[in-house]
PDB file of N, CA and C in Angstrom:
ATOM      1  N   UNK A   1     -18.596  12.305 -11.256  1.00  0.00           N
ATOM      2  CA  UNK A   1     -17.449  11.648 -11.874  1.00  0.00           C
ATOM      3  C   UNK A   1     -16.841  12.593 -12.911  1.00  0.00           C
ATOM      4  N   UNK A   2     -15.561  12.819 -12.835  1.00  0.00           N
ATOM      5  CA  UNK A   2     -14.856  13.718 -13.739  1.00  0.00           C
ATOM      6  C   UNK A   2     -14.159  12.916 -14.842  1.00  0.00           C
ATOM      7  N   UNK A   3     -14.274  13.399 -16.067  1.00  0.00           N
ATOM      8  CA  UNK A   3     -13.644  12.735 -17.208  1.00  0.00           C
ATOM      9  C   UNK A   3     -12.322  13.429 -17.490  1.00  0.00           C
ATOM     10  N   UNK A   4     -11.271  12.648 -17.684  1.00  0.00           N
ATOM     11  CA  UNK A   4      -9.944  13.189 -17.935  1.00  0.00           C
ATOM     12  C   UNK A   4      -9.918  13.969 -19.240  1.00  0.00           C
ATOM     13  N   UNK A   5      -9.356  15.169 -19.235  1.00  0.00           N
ATOM     14  CA  UNK A   5      -9.183  15.946 -20.444  1.00  0.00           C
ATOM     15  C   UNK A   5     -10.400  16.748 -20.846  1.00  0.00           C
ATOM     16  N   UNK A   6     -11.421  16.810 -20.020  1.00  0.00           N
ATOM     17  CA  UNK A   6     -12.614  17.562 -20.367  1.00  0.00           C
ATOM     18  C   UNK A   6     -12.993  18.471 -19.212  1.00  0.00           C
ATOM     19  N   UNK A   7     -13.535  19.631 -19.552  1.00  0.00           N
ATOM     20  CA  UNK A   7     -13.954  20.551 -18.508  1.00  0.00           C
ATOM     21  C   UNK A   7     -15.386  20.274 -18.059  1.00  0.00           C
ATOM     22  N   UNK A   8     -16.134  19.481 -18.840  1.00  0.00           N
ATOM     23  CA  UNK A   8     -17.518  19.162 -18.481  1.00  0.00           C
ATOM     24  C   UNK A   8     -17.560  17.950 -17.563  1.00  0.00           C
ATOM     25  N   UNK A   9     -18.351  18.030 -16.499  1.00  0.00           N
ATOM     26  CA  UNK A   9     -18.472  16.863 -15.609  1.00  0.00           C
ATOM     27  C   UNK A   9     -19.495  15.868 -16.145  1.00  0.00           C
ATOM     28  N   UNK A  10     -19.356  14.617 -15.722  1.00  0.00           N
ATOM     29  CA  UNK A  10     -20.354  13.591 -16.031  1.00  0.00           C
ATOM     30  C   UNK A  10     -21.508  13.762 -15.063  1.00  0.00           C
ATOM     31  N   UNK A  11     -22.690  14.050 -15.574  1.00  0.00           N
ATOM     32  CA  UNK A  11     -23.848  14.261 -14.717  1.00  0.00           C
ATOM     33  C   UNK A  11     -24.643  12.969 -14.560  1.00  0.00           C
ATOM     34  N   UNK A  12     -24.864  12.257 -15.670  1.00  0.00           N
ATOM     35  CA  UNK A  12     -25.605  10.997 -15.610  1.00  0.00           C
ATOM     36  C   UNK A  12     -24.712   9.894 -15.056  1.00  0.00           C
ATOM     37  N   UNK A  13     -25.258   9.085 -14.171  1.00  0.00           N
ATOM     38  CA  UNK A  13     -24.499   7.970 -13.612  1.00  0.00           C
ATOM     39  C   UNK A  13     -24.608   6.757 -14.532  1.00  0.00           C
ATOM     40  N   UNK A  14     -23.741   5.769 -14.297  1.00  0.00           N
ATOM     41  CA  UNK A  14     -23.779   4.551 -15.109  1.00  0.00           C
ATOM     42  C   UNK A  14     -25.123   3.842 -14.964  1.00  0.00           C
ATOM     43  N   UNK A  15     -25.683   3.838 -13.749  1.00  0.00           N
ATOM     44  CA  UNK A  15     -26.964   3.172 -13.527  1.00  0.00           C
ATOM     45  C   UNK A  15     -28.076   3.840 -14.326  1.00  0.00           C
ATOM     46  N   UNK A  16     -28.080   5.173 -14.352  1.00  0.00           N
ATOM     47  CA  UNK A  16     -29.092   5.898 -15.129  1.00  0.00           C
ATOM     48  C   UNK A  16     -28.963   5.598 -16.613  1.00  0.00           C
ATOM     49  N   UNK A  17     -27.730   5.546 -17.110  1.00  0.00           N
ATOM     50  CA  UNK A  17     -27.526   5.284 -18.537  1.00  0.00           C
ATOM     51  C   UNK A  17     -27.918   3.854 -18.892  1.00  0.00           C
ATOM     52  N   UNK A  18     -27.622   2.895 -17.999  1.00  0.00           N
ATOM     53  CA  UNK A  18     -28.021   1.505 -18.249  1.00  0.00           C
ATOM     54  C   UNK A  18     -29.537   1.392 -18.231  1.00  0.00           C
ATOM     55  N   UNK A  19     -30.182   2.042 -17.264  1.00  0.00           N
ATOM     56  CA  UNK A  19     -31.640   1.999 -17.152  1.00  0.00           C
ATOM     57  C   UNK A  19     -32.310   2.626 -18.375  1.00  0.00           C
ATOM     58  N   UNK A  20     -31.723   3.713 -18.901  1.00  0.00           N
ATOM     59  CA  UNK A  20     -32.278   4.383 -20.074  1.00  0.00           C
ATOM     60  C   UNK A  20     -31.831   3.731 -21.374  1.00  0.00           C
ATOM     61  N   UNK A  21     -31.015   2.680 -21.286  1.00  0.00           N
ATOM     62  CA  UNK A  21     -30.493   1.942 -22.439  1.00  0.00           C
ATOM     63  C   UNK A  21     -29.745   2.856 -23.430  1.00  0.00           C
ATOM     64  N   UNK A  22     -28.894   3.688 -22.881  1.00  0.00           N
ATOM     65  CA  UNK A  22     -28.047   4.542 -23.722  1.00  0.00           C
ATOM     66  C   UNK A  22     -26.933   3.666 -24.274  1.00  0.00           C
ATOM     67  N   UNK A  23     -26.751   3.643 -25.617  1.00  0.00           N
ATOM     68  CA  UNK A  23     -25.668   2.831 -26.182  1.00  0.00           C
ATOM     69  C   UNK A  23     -24.301   3.290 -25.656  1.00  0.00           C
ATOM     70  N   UNK A  24     -23.386   2.353 -25.526  1.00  0.00           N
ATOM     71  CA  UNK A  24     -22.072   2.641 -24.938  1.00  0.00           C
ATOM     72  C   UNK A  24     -21.336   3.779 -25.659  1.00  0.00           C
ATOM     73  N   UNK A  25     -21.335   3.853 -26.998  1.00  0.00           N
ATOM     74  CA  UNK A  25     -20.613   4.968 -27.626  1.00  0.00           C
ATOM     75  C   UNK A  25     -21.179   6.350 -27.288  1.00  0.00           C
ATOM     76  N   UNK A  26     -22.418   6.421 -26.819  1.00  0.00           N
ATOM     77  CA  UNK A  26     -23.047   7.701 -26.508  1.00  0.00           C
ATOM     78  C   UNK A  26     -22.973   8.050 -25.022  1.00  0.00           C
ATOM     79  N   UNK A  27     -22.266   7.286 -24.241  1.00  0.00           N
ATOM     80  CA  UNK A  27     -22.164   7.545 -22.805  1.00  0.00           C
ATOM     81  C   UNK A  27     -21.014   8.509 -22.528  1.00  0.00           C
ATOM     82  N   UNK A  28     -21.247   9.756 -22.835  1.00  0.00           N
ATOM     83  CA  UNK A  28     -20.235  10.784 -22.615  1.00  0.00           C
ATOM     84  C   UNK A  28     -20.808  11.866 -21.708  1.00  0.00           C
ATOM     85  N   UNK A  29     -20.206  13.046 -21.709  1.00  0.00           N
ATOM     86  CA  UNK A  29     -20.633  14.118 -20.824  1.00  0.00           C
ATOM     87  C   UNK A  29     -21.996  14.696 -21.196  1.00  0.00           C
ATOM     88  N   UNK A  30     -22.531  14.333 -22.363  1.00  0.00           N
ATOM     89  CA  UNK A  30     -23.835  14.821 -22.805  1.00  0.00           C
ATOM     90  C   UNK A  30     -24.935  13.769 -22.652  1.00  0.00           C
ATOM     91  N   UNK A  31     -24.644  12.660 -22.028  1.00  0.00           N
ATOM     92  CA  UNK A  31     -25.627  11.587 -21.885  1.00  0.00           C
ATOM     93  C   UNK A  31     -26.825  12.027 -21.054  1.00  0.00           C
ATOM     94  N   UNK A  32     -26.610  12.944 -20.107  1.00  0.00           N
ATOM     95  CA  UNK A  32     -27.739  13.424 -19.303  1.00  0.00           C
ATOM     96  C   UNK A  32     -28.756  14.185 -20.153  1.00  0.00           C
ATOM     97  N   UNK A  33     -28.343  14.679 -21.319  1.00  0.00           N
ATOM     98  CA  UNK A  33     -29.269  15.343 -22.236  1.00  0.00           C
ATOM     99  C   UNK A  33     -29.866  14.360 -23.243  1.00  0.00           C
ATOM    100  N   UNK A  34     -29.176  13.274 -23.493  1.00  0.00           N
ATOM    101  CA  UNK A  34     -29.678  12.273 -24.431  1.00  0.00           C
ATOM    102  C   UNK A  34     -30.831  11.474 -23.832  1.00  0.00           C
ATOM    103  N   UNK A  35     -30.821  11.258 -22.541  1.00  0.00           N
ATOM    104  CA  UNK A  35     -31.875  10.462 -21.894  1.00  0.00           C
ATOM    105  C   UNK A  35     -33.249  11.110 -22.090  1.00  0.00           C
ATOM    106  N   UNK A  36     -33.437  12.414 -21.770  1.00  0.00           N
ATOM    107  CA  UNK A  36     -34.760  13.006 -22.018  1.00  0.00           C
ATOM    108  C   UNK A  36     -35.092  13.126 -23.503  1.00  0.00           C
ATOM    109  N   UNK A  37     -34.061  13.296 -24.349  1.00  0.00           N
ATOM    110  CA  UNK A  37     -34.297  13.349 -25.788  1.00  0.00           C
ATOM    111  C   UNK A  37     -34.856  12.026 -26.295  1.00  0.00           C
ATOM    112  N   UNK A  38     -34.257  10.914 -25.870  1.00  0.00           N
ATOM    113  CA  UNK A  38     -34.756   9.607 -26.304  1.00  0.00           C
ATOM    114  C   UNK A  38     -36.151   9.324 -25.752  1.00  0.00           C
ATOM    115  N   UNK A  39     -36.439   9.759 -24.520  1.00  0.00           N
ATOM    116  CA  UNK A  39     -37.792   9.593 -23.968  1.00  0.00           C
ATOM    117  C   UNK A  39     -38.802  10.374 -24.798  1.00  0.00           C
ATOM    118  N   UNK A  40     -38.443  11.586 -25.167  1.00  0.00           N
ATOM    119  CA  UNK A  40     -39.325  12.404 -26.002  1.00  0.00           C
ATOM    120  C   UNK A  40     -39.520  11.756 -27.368  1.00  0.00           C
ATOM    121  N   UNK A  41     -38.452  11.245 -27.945  1.00  0.00           N
ATOM    122  CA  UNK A  41     -38.556  10.588 -29.257  1.00  0.00           C
ATOM    123  C   UNK A  41     -39.507   9.391 -29.196  1.00  0.00           C
ATOM    124  N   UNK A  42     -39.398   8.574 -28.153  1.00  0.00           N
ATOM    125  CA  UNK A  42     -40.289   7.418 -28.022  1.00  0.00           C
ATOM    126  C   UNK A  42     -41.737   7.860 -27.811  1.00  0.00           C
ATOM    127  N   UNK A  43     -41.936   8.899 -27.002  1.00  0.00           N
ATOM    128  CA  UNK A  43     -43.289   9.367 -26.713  1.00  0.00           C
ATOM    129  C   UNK A  43     -43.952   9.986 -27.947  1.00  0.00           C
ATOM    130  N   UNK A  44     -43.150  10.604 -28.806  1.00  0.00           N
ATOM    131  CA  UNK A  44     -43.683  11.298 -29.981  1.00  0.00           C
ATOM    132  C   UNK A  44     -43.519  10.494 -31.268  1.00  0.00           C
ATOM    133  N   UNK A  45     -43.206   9.205 -31.153  1.00  0.00           N
ATOM    134  CA  UNK A  45     -43.073   8.296 -32.301  1.00  0.00           C
ATOM    135  C   UNK A  45     -42.015   8.773 -33.305  1.00  0.00           C
ATOM    136  N   UNK A  46     -40.927   9.332 -32.794  1.00  0.00           N
ATOM    137  CA  UNK A  46     -39.764   9.753 -33.585  1.00  0.00           C
ATOM    138  C   UNK A  46     -40.101  10.791 -34.655  1.00  0.00           C
ATOM    139  N   UNK A  47     -41.128  11.595 -34.427  1.00  0.00           N
ATOM    140  CA  UNK A  47     -41.428  12.692 -35.353  1.00  0.00           C
ATOM    141  C   UNK A  47     -40.371  13.781 -35.155  1.00  0.00           C
ATOM    142  N   UNK A  48     -39.651  14.144 -36.217  1.00  0.00           N
ATOM    143  CA  UNK A  48     -38.488  15.023 -36.055  1.00  0.00           C
ATOM    144  C   UNK A  48     -38.820  16.425 -35.551  1.00  0.00           C
ATOM    145  N   UNK A  49     -40.008  16.937 -35.777  1.00  0.00           N
ATOM    146  CA  UNK A  49     -40.325  18.296 -35.352  1.00  0.00           C
ATOM    147  C   UNK A  49     -40.870  18.373 -33.929  1.00  0.00           C
ATOM    148  N   UNK A  50     -41.045  17.233 -33.273  1.00  0.00           N
ATOM    149  CA  UNK A  50     -41.637  17.218 -31.943  1.00  0.00           C
ATOM    150  C   UNK A  50     -40.619  17.500 -30.832  1.00  0.00           C
ATOM    151  N   UNK A  51     -39.388  17.055 -30.969  1.00  0.00           N
ATOM    152  CA  UNK A  51     -38.389  17.166 -29.890  1.00  0.00           C
ATOM    153  C   UNK A  51     -37.226  18.064 -30.306  1.00  0.00           C
ATOM    154  N   UNK A  52     -37.539  19.144 -31.012  1.00  0.00           N
ATOM    155  CA  UNK A  52     -36.477  20.006 -31.537  1.00  0.00           C
ATOM    156  C   UNK A  52     -35.640  20.647 -30.434  1.00  0.00           C
ATOM    157  N   UNK A  53     -36.291  21.115 -29.357  1.00  0.00           N
ATOM    158  CA  UNK A  53     -35.542  21.793 -28.297  1.00  0.00           C
ATOM    159  C   UNK A  53     -34.562  20.846 -27.622  1.00  0.00           C
ATOM    160  N   UNK A  54     -35.013  19.634 -27.274  1.00  0.00           N
ATOM    161  CA  UNK A  54     -34.127  18.660 -26.628  1.00  0.00           C
ATOM    162  C   UNK A  54     -32.980  18.258 -27.550  1.00  0.00           C
ATOM    163  N   UNK A  55     -33.287  18.085 -28.833  1.00  0.00           N
ATOM    164  CA  UNK A  55     -32.252  17.704 -29.805  1.00  0.00           C
ATOM    165  C   UNK A  55     -31.223  18.820 -29.961  1.00  0.00           C
ATOM    166  N   UNK A  56     -31.711  20.060 -30.012  1.00  0.00           N
ATOM    167  CA  UNK A  56     -30.794  21.189 -30.168  1.00  0.00           C
ATOM    168  C   UNK A  56     -29.843  21.297 -28.976  1.00  0.00           C
ATOM    169  N   UNK A  57     -30.372  21.134 -27.774  1.00  0.00           N
ATOM    170  CA  UNK A  57     -29.539  21.226 -26.564  1.00  0.00           C
ATOM    171  C   UNK A  57     -28.498  20.103 -26.553  1.00  0.00           C
ATOM    172  N   UNK A  58     -28.915  18.881 -26.927  1.00  0.00           N
ATOM    173  CA  UNK A  58     -27.993  17.738 -26.959  1.00  0.00           C
ATOM    174  C   UNK A  58     -26.908  17.945 -28.018  1.00  0.00           C
ATOM    175  N   UNK A  59     -27.301  18.368 -29.214  1.00  0.00           N
ATOM    176  CA  UNK A  59     -26.314  18.559 -30.289  1.00  0.00           C
ATOM    177  C   UNK A  59     -25.346  19.690 -29.967  1.00  0.00           C
ATOM    178  N   UNK A  60     -25.827  20.737 -29.274  1.00  0.00           N
ATOM    179  CA  UNK A  60     -24.935  21.825 -28.870  1.00  0.00           C
ATOM    180  C   UNK A  60     -23.896  21.324 -27.872  1.00  0.00           C
ATOM    181  N   UNK A  61     -24.332  20.476 -26.943  1.00  0.00           N
ATOM    182  CA  UNK A  61     -23.400  19.894 -25.967  1.00  0.00           C
ATOM    183  C   UNK A  61     -22.347  19.046 -26.681  1.00  0.00           C
ATOM    184  N   UNK A  62     -22.756  18.215 -27.626  1.00  0.00           N
ATOM    185  CA  UNK A  62     -21.811  17.383 -28.386  1.00  0.00           C
ATOM    186  C   UNK A  62     -20.843  18.254 -29.189  1.00  0.00           C
ATOM    187  N   UNK A  63     -21.346  19.329 -29.793  1.00  0.00           N
ATOM    188  CA  UNK A  63     -20.505  20.243 -30.561  1.00  0.00           C
ATOM    189  C   UNK A  63     -19.437  20.868 -29.672  1.00  0.00           C
ATOM    190  N   UNK A  64     -19.830  21.289 -28.468  1.00  0.00           N
ATOM    191  CA  UNK A  64     -18.862  21.891 -27.551  1.00  0.00           C
ATOM    192  C   UNK A  64     -17.789  20.892 -27.130  1.00  0.00           C
ATOM    193  N   UNK A  65     -18.169  19.624 -26.962  1.00  0.00           N
ATOM    194  CA  UNK A  65     -17.177  18.592 -26.633  1.00  0.00           C
ATOM    195  C   UNK A  65     -16.182  18.413 -27.777  1.00  0.00           C
ATOM    196  N   UNK A  66     -16.687  18.384 -29.001  1.00  0.00           N
ATOM    197  CA  UNK A  66     -15.807  18.219 -30.165  1.00  0.00           C
ATOM    198  C   UNK A  66     -14.862  19.411 -30.282  1.00  0.00           C
ATOM    199  N   UNK A  67     -15.384  20.611 -30.107  1.00  0.00           N
ATOM    200  CA  UNK A  67     -14.533  21.796 -30.211  1.00  0.00           C
ATOM    201  C   UNK A  67     -13.465  21.812 -29.108  1.00  0.00           C
ATOM    202  N   UNK A  68     -13.826  21.357 -27.926  1.00  0.00           N
ATOM    203  CA  UNK A  68     -12.856  21.284 -26.832  1.00  0.00           C
ATOM    204  C   UNK A  68     -11.736  20.297 -27.159  1.00  0.00           C
ATOM    205  N   UNK A  69     -12.106  19.133 -27.720  1.00  0.00           N
ATOM    206  CA  UNK A  69     -11.090  18.151 -28.107  1.00  0.00           C
ATOM    207  C   UNK A  69     -10.204  18.692 -29.225  1.00  0.00           C
ATOM    208  N   UNK A  70     -10.791  19.434 -30.166  1.00  0.00           N
ATOM    209  CA  UNK A  70      -9.994  20.003 -31.254  1.00  0.00           C
ATOM    210  C   UNK A  70      -8.990  21.026 -30.720  1.00  0.00           C
ATOM    211  N   UNK A  71      -9.404  21.840 -29.763  1.00  0.00           N
ATOM    212  CA  UNK A  71      -8.480  22.812 -29.169  1.00  0.00           C
ATOM    213  C   UNK A  71      -7.346  22.116 -28.422  1.00  0.00           C
ATOM    214  N   UNK A  72      -7.671  21.048 -27.710  1.00  0.00           N
ATOM    215  CA  UNK A  72      -6.627  20.297 -27.007  1.00  0.00           C
ATOM    216  C   UNK A  72      -5.644  19.694 -28.008  1.00  0.00           C
ATOM    217  N   UNK A  73      -6.152  19.138 -29.104  1.00  0.00           N
ATOM    218  CA  UNK A  73      -5.269  18.546 -30.103  1.00  0.00           C
ATOM    219  C   UNK A  73      -4.407  19.606 -30.772  1.00  0.00           C
ATOM    220  N   UNK A  74      -4.961  20.787 -31.010  1.00  0.00           N
ATOM    221  CA  UNK A  74      -4.184  21.868 -31.601  1.00  0.00           C
ATOM    222  C   UNK A  74      -3.048  22.286 -30.668  1.00  0.00           C
ATOM    223  N   UNK A  75      -3.320  22.362 -29.371  1.00  0.00           N
ATOM    224  CA  UNK A  75      -2.268  22.713 -28.410  1.00  0.00           C
ATOM    225  C   UNK A  75      -1.173  21.651 -28.389  1.00  0.00           C
ATOM    226  N   UNK A  76      -1.561  20.376 -28.481  1.00  0.00           N
ATOM    227  CA  UNK A  76      -0.576  19.294 -28.508  1.00  0.00           C
ATOM    228  C   UNK A  76       0.290  19.401 -29.751  1.00  0.00           C
ATOM    229  N   UNK A  77      -0.335  19.648 -30.909  1.00  0.00           N
ATOM    230  CA  UNK A  77       0.430  19.775 -32.163  1.00  0.00           C
ATOM    231  C   UNK A  77       1.376  20.974 -32.126  1.00  0.00           C
ATOM    232  N   UNK A  78       0.919  22.095 -31.568  1.00  0.00           N
ATOM    233  CA  UNK A  78       1.790  23.265 -31.466  1.00  0.00           C
ATOM    234  C   UNK A  78       2.975  22.992 -30.553  1.00  0.00           C
ATOM    235  N   UNK A  79       2.747  22.286 -29.466  1.00  0.00           N
ATOM    236  CA  UNK A  79       3.846  21.949 -28.554  1.00  0.00           C
ATOM    237  C   UNK A  79       4.845  21.015 -29.235  1.00  0.00           C
ATOM    238  N   UNK A  80       4.343  20.037 -29.997  1.00  0.00           N
ATOM    239  CA  UNK A  80       5.239  19.135 -30.724  1.00  0.00           C
ATOM    240  C   UNK A  80       6.030  19.882 -31.787  1.00  0.00           C
ATOM    241  N   UNK A  81       5.382  20.828 -32.493  1.00  0.00           N
ATOM    242  CA  UNK A  81       6.082  21.600 -33.513  1.00  0.00           C
ATOM    243  C   UNK A  81       7.158  22.473 -32.883  1.00  0.00           C
ATOM    244  N   UNK A  82       6.858  23.059 -31.728  1.00  0.00           N
ATOM    245  CA  UNK A  82       7.847  23.889 -31.048  1.00  0.00           C
ATOM    246  C   UNK A  82       9.040  23.042 -30.594  1.00  0.00           C
ATOM    247  N   UNK A  83       8.761  21.841 -30.087  1.00  0.00           N
ATOM    248  CA  UNK A  83       9.825  20.939 -29.662  1.00  0.00           C
ATOM    249  C   UNK A  83      10.672  20.501 -30.855  1.00  0.00           C
ATOM    250  N   UNK A  84      10.007  20.195 -31.959  1.00  0.00           N
ATOM    251  CA  UNK A  84      10.720  19.778 -33.175  1.00  0.00           C
ATOM    252  C   UNK A  84      11.577  20.923 -33.702  1.00  0.00           C
ATOM    253  N   UNK A  85      11.043  22.141 -33.653  1.00  0.00           N
ATOM    254  CA  UNK A  85      11.786  23.306 -34.131  1.00  0.00           C
ATOM    255  C   UNK A  85      13.011  23.562 -33.256  1.00  0.00           C
ATOM    256  N   UNK A  86      12.881  23.383 -31.955  1.00  0.00           N
ATOM    257  CA  UNK A  86      14.030  23.612 -31.075  1.00  0.00           C
ATOM    258  C   UNK A  86      15.113  22.556 -31.301  1.00  0.00           C
ATOM    259  N   UNK A  87      14.717  21.323 -31.617  1.00  0.00           N
ATOM    260  CA  UNK A  87      15.704  20.288 -31.932  1.00  0.00           C
ATOM    261  C   UNK A  87      16.379  20.578 -33.266  1.00  0.00           C
ATOM    262  N   UNK A  88      15.610  21.096 -34.224  1.00  0.00           N
ATOM    263  CA  UNK A  88      16.152  21.367 -35.549  1.00  0.00           C
ATOM    264  C   UNK A  88      17.141  22.530 -35.506  1.00  0.00           C
ATOM    265  N   UNK A  89      16.912  23.523 -34.657  1.00  0.00           N
ATOM    266  CA  UNK A  89      17.802  24.674 -34.572  1.00  0.00           C
ATOM    267  C   UNK A  89      19.147  24.313 -33.963  1.00  0.00           C
ATOM    268  N   UNK A  90      19.215  23.258 -33.186  1.00  0.00           N
ATOM    269  CA  UNK A  90      20.453  22.867 -32.533  1.00  0.00           C
ATOM    270  C   UNK A  90      21.429  22.149 -33.451  1.00  0.00           C
ATOM    271  N   UNK A  91      21.010  21.694 -34.632  1.00  0.00           N
ATOM    272  CA  UNK A  91      21.889  20.948 -35.526  1.00  0.00           C
ATOM    273  C   UNK A  91      22.636  21.893 -36.454  1.00  0.00           C
ATOM    274  N   UNK A  92      23.823  21.477 -36.851  1.00  0.00           N
ATOM    275  CA  UNK A  92      24.651  22.246 -37.776  1.00  0.00           C
ATOM    276  C   UNK A  92      24.673  21.492 -39.103  1.00  0.00           C
ATOM    277  N   UNK A  93      24.304  22.149 -40.208  1.00  0.00           N
ATOM    278  CA  UNK A  93      24.308  21.452 -41.493  1.00  0.00           C
ATOM    279  C   UNK A  93      25.734  21.136 -41.950  1.00  0.00           C
ATOM    280  N   UNK A  94      25.909  20.010 -42.630  1.00  0.00           N
ATOM    281  CA  UNK A  94      27.233  19.622 -43.117  1.00  0.00           C
ATOM    282  C   UNK A  94      27.693  20.511 -44.251  1.00  0.00           C
ATOM    283  N   UNK A  95      26.797  20.890 -45.138  1.00  0.00           N
ATOM    284  CA  UNK A  95      27.126  21.787 -46.242  1.00  0.00           C
ATOM    285  C   UNK A  95      26.298  23.049 -46.058  1.00  0.00           C
ATOM    286  N   UNK A  96      26.932  24.200 -45.959  1.00  0.00           N
ATOM    287  CA  UNK A  96      26.172  25.435 -45.780  1.00  0.00           C
ATOM    288  C   UNK A  96      25.256  25.692 -46.971  1.00  0.00           C
ATOM    289  N   UNK A  97      24.110  26.297 -46.707  1.00  0.00           N
ATOM    290  CA  UNK A  97      23.147  26.563 -47.777  1.00  0.00           C
ATOM    291  C   UNK A  97      23.628  27.662 -48.713  1.00  0.00           C
ATOM    292  N   UNK A  98      24.452  28.581 -48.240  1.00  0.00           N
ATOM    293  CA  UNK A  98      24.920  29.676 -49.073  1.00  0.00           C
ATOM    294  C   UNK A  98      26.191  29.325 -49.865  1.00  0.00           C
ATOM    295  N   UNK A  99      26.640  28.085 -49.793  1.00  0.00           N
ATOM    296  CA  UNK A  99      27.835  27.648 -50.513  1.00  0.00           C
ATOM    297  C   UNK A  99      27.516  27.518 -51.994  1.00  0.00           C
ATOM    298  N   UNK A 100      28.304  28.221 -52.852  1.00  0.00           N
ATOM    299  CA  UNK A 100      28.084  28.169 -54.287  1.00  0.00           C
ATOM    300  C   UNK A 100      29.202  27.395 -54.988  1.00  0.00           C
ATOM    301  N   UNK A 101      29.878  26.551 -54.241  1.00  0.00           N
ATOM    302  CA  UNK A 101      30.980  25.800 -54.805  1.00  0.00           C
ATOM    303  C   UNK A 101      30.488  24.448 -55.311  1.00  0.00           C
ATOM    304  N   UNK A 102      31.246  23.881 -56.220  1.00  0.00           N
ATOM    305  CA  UNK A 102      30.941  22.566 -56.758  1.00  0.00           C
ATOM    306  C   UNK A 102      31.499  21.536 -55.790  1.00  0.00           C
ATOM    307  N   UNK A 103      30.648  20.642 -55.335  1.00  0.00           N
ATOM    308  CA  UNK A 103      31.072  19.711 -54.305  1.00  0.00           C
ATOM    309  C   UNK A 103      31.966  18.635 -54.903  1.00  0.00           C
ATOM    310  N   UNK A 104      31.475  17.875 -55.846  1.00  0.00           N
ATOM    311  CA  UNK A 104      32.314  16.856 -56.479  1.00  0.00           C
ATOM    312  C   UNK A 104      31.722  16.483 -57.827  1.00  0.00           C
ATOM    313  N   UNK A 105      32.620  16.141 -58.738  1.00  0.00           N
ATOM    314  CA  UNK A 105      32.212  15.703 -60.070  1.00  0.00           C
ATOM    315  C   UNK A 105      33.004  14.450 -60.378  1.00  0.00           C
ATOM    316  N   UNK A 106      32.315  13.429 -60.848  1.00  0.00           N
ATOM    317  CA  UNK A 106      33.042  12.223 -61.231  1.00  0.00           C
ATOM    318  C   UNK A 106      32.815  11.968 -62.718  1.00  0.00           C
ATOM    319  N   UNK A 107      33.890  11.624 -63.403  1.00  0.00           N
ATOM    320  CA  UNK A 107      33.857  11.369 -64.840  1.00  0.00           C
ATOM    321  C   UNK A 107      34.448   9.997 -65.077  1.00  0.00           C
ATOM    322  N   UNK A 108      33.730   9.212 -65.853  1.00  0.00           N
ATOM    323  CA  UNK A 108      34.244   7.885 -66.204  1.00  0.00           C
ATOM    324  C   UNK A 108      34.815   7.936 -67.613  1.00  0.00           C
ATOM    325  N   UNK A 109      36.045   7.416 -67.779  1.00  0.00           N
ATOM    326  CA  UNK A 109      36.712   7.418 -69.080  1.00  0.00           C
ATOM    327  C   UNK A 109      37.125   5.987 -69.394  1.00  0.00           C
ATOM    328  N   UNK A 110      36.868   5.571 -70.618  1.00  0.00           N
ATOM    329  CA  UNK A 110      37.268   4.241 -71.057  1.00  0.00           C
ATOM    330  C   UNK A 110      38.653   4.343 -71.691  1.00  0.00           C
ATOM    331  N   UNK A 111      39.647   3.743 -71.017  1.00  0.00           N
ATOM    332  CA  UNK A 111      41.010   3.753 -71.522  1.00  0.00           C
ATOM    333  C   UNK A 111      41.476   2.313 -71.634  1.00  0.00           C
ATOM    334  N   UNK A 112      41.796   1.895 -72.823  1.00  0.00           N
ATOM    335  CA  UNK A 112      42.286   0.556 -73.161  1.00  0.00           C
ATOM    336  C   UNK A 112      41.494  -0.557 -72.447  1.00  0.00           C
ATOM    337  N   UNK A 113      40.167  -0.457 -72.537  1.00  0.00           N
ATOM    338  CA  UNK A 113      39.305  -1.515 -71.999  1.00  0.00           C
ATOM    339  C   UNK A 113      38.991  -1.398 -70.520  1.00  0.00           C
ATOM    340  N   UNK A 114      39.533  -0.392 -69.844  1.00  0.00           N
ATOM    341  CA  UNK A 114      39.237  -0.188 -68.425  1.00  0.00           C
ATOM    342  C   UNK A 114      38.588   1.174 -68.211  1.00  0.00           C
ATOM    343  N   UNK A 115      37.649   1.191 -67.259  1.00  0.00           N
ATOM    344  CA  UNK A 115      37.036   2.477 -66.896  1.00  0.00           C
ATOM    345  C   UNK A 115      37.878   3.124 -65.817  1.00  0.00           C
ATOM    346  N   UNK A 116      38.205   4.367 -66.031  1.00  0.00           N
ATOM    347  CA  UNK A 116      38.939   5.145 -65.037  1.00  0.00           C
ATOM    348  C   UNK A 116      38.005   6.232 -64.546  1.00  0.00           C
ATOM    349  N   UNK A 117      37.840   6.341 -63.241  1.00  0.00           N
ATOM    350  CA  UNK A 117      36.958   7.348 -62.651  1.00  0.00           C
ATOM    351  C   UNK A 117      37.813   8.491 -62.167  1.00  0.00           C
ATOM    352  N   UNK A 118      37.540   9.664 -62.687  1.00  0.00           N
ATOM    353  CA  UNK A 118      38.251  10.873 -62.268  1.00  0.00           C
ATOM    354  C   UNK A 118      37.293  11.704 -61.430  1.00  0.00           C
ATOM    355  N   UNK A 119      37.735  12.113 -60.279  1.00  0.00           N
ATOM    356  CA  UNK A 119      36.891  12.961 -59.418  1.00  0.00           C
ATOM    357  C   UNK A 119      37.568  14.281 -59.200  1.00  0.00           C
ATOM    358  N   UNK A 120      36.797  15.322 -59.281  1.00  0.00           N
ATOM    359  CA  UNK A 120      37.310  16.680 -59.089  1.00  0.00           C
ATOM    360  C   UNK A 120      36.637  17.309 -57.916  1.00  0.00           C
TER     361      UNK A 120
END
């Protein structure tokens, strides 16, 4: 079974994962390594130094999956930035950035009880 967006194939089947009681959040492309790790943990009473090799192999597989997802997300962000940049280059600004002119000034003056607004 192939998982969308990943280069690693699913090796463990759903039946194997159900039989080994792998929790649903851990049923990914590294589940085939988690099954022997959990068996070793149960056999060795969860002593952390007993199943180091199996744990290392499983954690390396999980790390590679995370790095693969990060690379995919980076490519998506770069594509979105490139698309946004191409849209931004097509617009023409209303006021040029190099314009050193005064755009408008408004002055309010009180003349015989009324405010008069003068704009320049």
